[in-house]
Amino acid sequence: MNKAQWTAAVDQLMRREWCIGIEDAGIDEQQLTDYWRDGQTPAAFLEWFAEKYDLIRFERSPSVRTARAMSPRSGSRQPPAGA
């Protein structure tokens, strides 16, 4: 994997797991280059980075579509008695 592919994989994993990208995290180009040259996988680099900076994984909530499917349909409400 070339450096551009490796960096893109790191960025994609960060966005998926922590909802931040490389730039948001303040990871500099030299740090990326060093870990890429050392043969670290993107996942191993991120494991180290997350532990060092005590990152908390983003927990995905059910999507709006899923939440709507699980809730009572607003159109099925009955009018109040005597209305």
N, C-alpha and C. Protein backbone atom coordinates (compact mmCIF):
# COMPACT_ATOMS: atom_id res chain seq x y z
N MET A 1 0.86 -1.16 0.00
CA MET A 1 0.00 0.00 0.00
C MET A 1 0.91 1.24 0.00
N ASN A 2 0.65 2.14 -0.93
CA ASN A 2 1.48 3.36 -0.97
C ASN A 2 1.02 4.32 0.13
N LYS A 3 1.78 5.38 0.34
CA LYS A 3 1.50 6.29 1.45
C LYS A 3 0.15 6.98 1.29
N ALA A 4 -0.22 7.37 0.09
CA ALA A 4 -1.51 8.03 -0.13
C ALA A 4 -2.66 7.10 0.23
N GLN A 5 -2.57 5.84 -0.15
CA GLN A 5 -3.61 4.87 0.20
C GLN A 5 -3.66 4.64 1.70
N TRP A 6 -2.49 4.54 2.32
CA TRP A 6 -2.39 4.33 3.76
C TRP A 6 -3.02 5.50 4.51
N THR A 7 -2.69 6.71 4.09
CA THR A 7 -3.24 7.92 4.73
C THR A 7 -4.75 7.99 4.56
N ALA A 8 -5.23 7.65 3.38
CA ALA A 8 -6.68 7.65 3.13
C ALA A 8 -7.37 6.62 4.02
N ALA A 9 -6.74 5.47 4.22
CA ALA A 9 -7.32 4.44 5.09
C ALA A 9 -7.36 4.92 6.54
N VAL A 10 -6.30 5.59 6.99
CA VAL A 10 -6.27 6.15 8.35
C VAL A 10 -7.40 7.15 8.50
N ASP A 11 -7.54 8.05 7.56
CA ASP A 11 -8.57 9.08 7.62
C ASP A 11 -9.96 8.46 7.64
N GLN A 12 -10.19 7.47 6.80
CA GLN A 12 -11.49 6.80 6.73
C GLN A 12 -11.82 6.11 8.05
N LEU A 13 -10.86 5.40 8.62
CA LEU A 13 -11.09 4.73 9.90
C LEU A 13 -11.36 5.74 11.02
N MET A 14 -10.63 6.84 11.02
CA MET A 14 -10.84 7.86 12.04
C MET A 14 -12.24 8.44 11.95
N ARG A 15 -12.66 8.73 10.75
CA ARG A 15 -13.99 9.31 10.57
C ARG A 15 -15.09 8.32 10.97
N ARG A 16 -14.87 7.05 10.69
CA ARG A 16 -15.86 6.04 11.04
C ARG A 16 -15.92 5.80 12.56
N GLU A 17 -14.76 5.73 13.20
CA GLU A 17 -14.73 5.37 14.62
C GLU A 17 -14.82 6.55 15.58
N TRP A 18 -14.30 7.72 15.16
CA TRP A 18 -14.26 8.86 16.08
C TRP A 18 -14.87 10.13 15.50
N CYS A 19 -15.39 10.05 14.29
CA CYS A 19 -16.03 11.19 13.63
C CYS A 19 -15.11 12.41 13.51
N ILE A 20 -13.84 12.17 13.38
CA ILE A 20 -12.86 13.22 13.10
C ILE A 20 -11.91 12.69 12.04
N GLY A 21 -11.32 13.60 11.30
CA GLY A 21 -10.35 13.21 10.30
C GLY A 21 -8.94 13.50 10.77
N ILE A 22 -8.00 13.24 9.91
CA ILE A 22 -6.59 13.47 10.23
C ILE A 22 -6.34 14.92 10.59
N GLU A 23 -6.87 15.83 9.79
CA GLU A 23 -6.65 17.26 10.07
C GLU A 23 -7.30 17.68 11.38
N ASP A 24 -8.51 17.18 11.64
CA ASP A 24 -9.22 17.50 12.88
C ASP A 24 -8.41 17.06 14.10
N ALA A 25 -7.75 15.92 13.98
CA ALA A 25 -6.99 15.35 15.08
C ALA A 25 -5.63 16.01 15.25
N GLY A 26 -5.23 16.80 14.27
CA GLY A 26 -3.94 17.48 14.36
C GLY A 26 -2.75 16.57 14.11
N ILE A 27 -2.96 15.51 13.35
CA ILE A 27 -1.87 14.60 13.03
C ILE A 27 -1.07 15.22 11.90
N ASP A 28 0.23 15.37 12.13
CA ASP A 28 1.04 16.03 11.10
C ASP A 28 1.60 15.03 10.10
N GLU A 29 2.02 15.57 9.00
CA GLU A 29 2.50 14.76 7.87
C GLU A 29 3.70 13.89 8.27
N GLN A 30 4.59 14.42 9.09
CA GLN A 30 5.77 13.66 9.50
C GLN A 30 5.38 12.44 10.34
N GLN A 31 4.41 12.61 11.20
CA GLN A 31 3.95 11.49 12.02
C GLN A 31 3.37 10.39 11.14
N LEU A 32 2.56 10.78 10.17
CA LEU A 32 2.00 9.80 9.24
C LEU A 32 3.10 9.08 8.46
N THR A 33 4.05 9.84 7.97
CA THR A 33 5.15 9.26 7.19
C THR A 33 5.95 8.27 8.03
N ASP A 34 6.25 8.64 9.26
CA ASP A 34 7.03 7.76 10.14
C ASP A 34 6.34 6.42 10.36
N TYR A 35 5.06 6.45 10.66
CA TYR A 35 4.34 5.20 10.92
C TYR A 35 4.15 4.39 9.65
N TRP A 36 3.95 5.06 8.54
CA TRP A 36 3.82 4.35 7.26
C TRP A 36 5.13 3.66 6.91
N ARG A 37 6.24 4.38 7.06
CA ARG A 37 7.57 3.79 6.76
C ARG A 37 7.90 2.64 7.68
N ASP A 38 7.41 2.70 8.93
CA ASP A 38 7.66 1.61 9.89
C ASP A 38 6.83 0.37 9.58
N GLY A 39 5.93 0.48 8.63
CA GLY A 39 5.13 -0.67 8.22
C GLY A 39 3.91 -0.91 9.10
N GLN A 40 3.53 0.08 9.88
CA GLN A 40 2.33 -0.05 10.71
C GLN A 40 1.08 -0.07 9.83
N THR A 41 0.11 -0.86 10.22
CA THR A 41 -1.16 -0.83 9.50
C THR A 41 -1.92 0.42 9.96
N PRO A 42 -2.85 0.90 9.15
CA PRO A 42 -3.67 2.03 9.59
C PRO A 42 -4.36 1.75 10.93
N ALA A 43 -4.87 0.53 11.10
CA ALA A 43 -5.56 0.18 12.34
C ALA A 43 -4.61 0.20 13.54
N ALA A 44 -3.39 -0.28 13.37
CA ALA A 44 -2.42 -0.28 14.47
C ALA A 44 -2.03 1.16 14.82
N PHE A 45 -1.83 1.99 13.82
CA PHE A 45 -1.52 3.40 14.09
C PHE A 45 -2.66 4.05 14.87
N LEU A 46 -3.89 3.82 14.46
CA LEU A 46 -5.03 4.43 15.13
C LEU A 46 -5.24 3.89 16.53
N GLU A 47 -4.94 2.63 16.74
CA GLU A 47 -5.03 2.06 18.08
C GLU A 47 -4.06 2.80 19.01
N TRP A 48 -2.83 3.00 18.54
CA TRP A 48 -1.84 3.74 19.33
C TRP A 48 -2.30 5.18 19.56
N PHE A 49 -2.75 5.83 18.51
CA PHE A 49 -3.16 7.23 18.59
C PHE A 49 -4.34 7.40 19.54
N ALA A 50 -5.34 6.53 19.43
CA ALA A 50 -6.52 6.61 20.28
C ALA A 50 -6.17 6.39 21.74
N GLU A 51 -5.27 5.46 21.99
CA GLU A 51 -4.86 5.21 23.36
C GLU A 51 -4.07 6.39 23.92
N LYS A 52 -3.16 6.92 23.14
CA LYS A 52 -2.33 8.04 23.58
C LYS A 52 -3.19 9.25 23.94
N TYR A 53 -4.19 9.54 23.14
CA TYR A 53 -5.01 10.73 23.34
C TYR A 53 -6.37 10.42 23.99
N ASP A 54 -6.53 9.18 24.47
CA ASP A 54 -7.73 8.78 25.19
C ASP A 54 -9.01 9.11 24.42
N LEU A 55 -9.03 8.75 23.14
CA LEU A 55 -10.20 9.00 22.32
C LEU A 55 -11.33 8.04 22.70
N ILE A 56 -12.53 8.52 22.62
CA ILE A 56 -13.71 7.72 22.90
C ILE A 56 -14.39 7.45 21.57
N ARG A 57 -14.65 6.19 21.31
CA ARG A 57 -15.28 5.83 20.04
C ARG A 57 -16.67 6.44 19.94
N PHE A 58 -17.01 6.80 18.73
CA PHE A 58 -18.33 7.35 18.43
C PHE A 58 -19.33 6.20 18.43
N GLU A 59 -20.38 6.33 19.20
CA GLU A 59 -21.42 5.30 19.21
C GLU A 59 -22.55 5.75 18.30
N ARG A 60 -22.82 4.93 17.33
CA ARG A 60 -23.86 5.28 16.36
C ARG A 60 -25.24 5.08 16.97
N SER A 61 -26.08 6.06 16.77
CA SER A 61 -27.48 5.97 17.18
C SER A 61 -28.26 5.35 16.04
N PRO A 62 -29.40 4.78 16.35
CA PRO A 62 -30.22 4.28 15.24
C PRO A 62 -30.53 5.42 14.29
N SER A 63 -30.59 5.11 13.04
CA SER A 63 -30.88 6.14 12.06
C SER A 63 -32.29 6.67 12.27
N VAL A 64 -32.54 7.83 11.73
CA VAL A 64 -33.87 8.43 11.84
C VAL A 64 -34.89 7.49 11.22
N ARG A 65 -34.55 6.90 10.10
CA ARG A 65 -35.48 5.99 9.43
C ARG A 65 -35.79 4.80 10.34
N THR A 66 -34.77 4.22 10.99
CA THR A 66 -34.97 3.10 11.90
C THR A 66 -35.79 3.53 13.09
N ALA A 67 -35.50 4.70 13.65
CA ALA A 67 -36.23 5.19 14.81
C ALA A 67 -37.70 5.40 14.46
N ARG A 68 -37.96 5.91 13.27
CA ARG A 68 -39.35 6.12 12.85
C ARG A 68 -40.07 4.79 12.69
N ALA A 69 -39.38 3.81 12.16
CA ALA A 69 -39.99 2.50 11.94
C ALA A 69 -40.32 1.84 13.27
N MET A 70 -39.55 2.16 14.31
CA MET A 70 -39.75 1.54 15.61
C MET A 70 -40.81 2.28 16.44
N SER A 71 -41.13 3.52 16.09
CA SER A 71 -42.08 4.29 16.89
C SER A 71 -43.47 4.18 16.29
N PRO A 72 -44.51 4.45 17.11
CA PRO A 72 -45.88 4.40 16.57
C PRO A 72 -46.04 5.41 15.44
N ARG A 73 -46.78 5.06 14.48
CA ARG A 73 -47.01 5.96 13.34
C ARG A 73 -47.93 7.09 13.77
N SER A 74 -47.54 8.31 13.46
CA SER A 74 -48.33 9.46 13.87
C SER A 74 -49.70 9.47 13.21
N GLY A 75 -49.82 8.88 12.03
CA GLY A 75 -51.09 8.87 11.34
C GLY A 75 -52.08 7.86 11.90
N SER A 76 -51.67 6.98 12.82
CA SER A 76 -52.57 5.98 13.34
C SER A 76 -53.19 6.37 14.67
N ARG A 77 -52.97 7.58 15.12
CA ARG A 77 -53.54 8.01 16.39
C ARG A 77 -55.06 8.15 16.26
N GLN A 78 -55.70 7.76 17.29
CA GLN A 78 -57.17 7.87 17.34
C GLN A 78 -57.56 9.21 17.96
N PRO A 79 -58.62 9.82 17.50
CA PRO A 79 -59.06 11.08 18.13
C PRO A 79 -59.50 10.79 19.55
N PRO A 80 -59.41 11.79 20.43
CA PRO A 80 -59.85 11.60 21.82
C PRO A 80 -61.33 11.22 21.85
N ALA A 81 -61.72 10.45 22.84
CA ALA A 81 -63.11 10.02 22.98
C ALA A 81 -64.01 11.24 23.13
N GLY A 82 -65.12 11.24 22.47
CA GLY A 82 -66.06 12.34 22.54
C GLY A 82 -65.72 13.51 21.66
N ALA A 83 -64.71 13.34 20.82
CA ALA A 83 -64.32 14.47 19.96
C ALA A 83 -65.15 14.51 18.73
